Amino acid sequence: MTFTDARSEALKGFGKAAQTYARGRPDITQIIAPYEGDAPRYYKGEWRRSFSGQLFSDLSDACFAYQHIGTPQQVILDRILSLSFIAA
């Protein structure tokens, strides 16, 4: 699959995701997951290995309130298109 094909497929899927997002059921992950391959992703937790060992204290998680402000294109589409495995 070429970049153009992958991007086209992602954009097709985005239309469906935007519709389900508007209904309160986002499934964007299902659309982008087939394209991520072995790209590093936060949810996979592989980044934690970089902080193991004697040089760092134990990791802890913190959550902060955050609101996305903007149109669906700015908030969703621009974010999806900025992912390295979609943009490449």
Foldseek 3Di string as FASTA:
>chain_A
DDLVVLLVQLVVVVVVQVVVVVVVHGDSCVSCVVQCPPPDDVVVVPVVVVQDDDPHDDDDDDDDDDDDDDDCCVRPVVVSCPPPSNVD
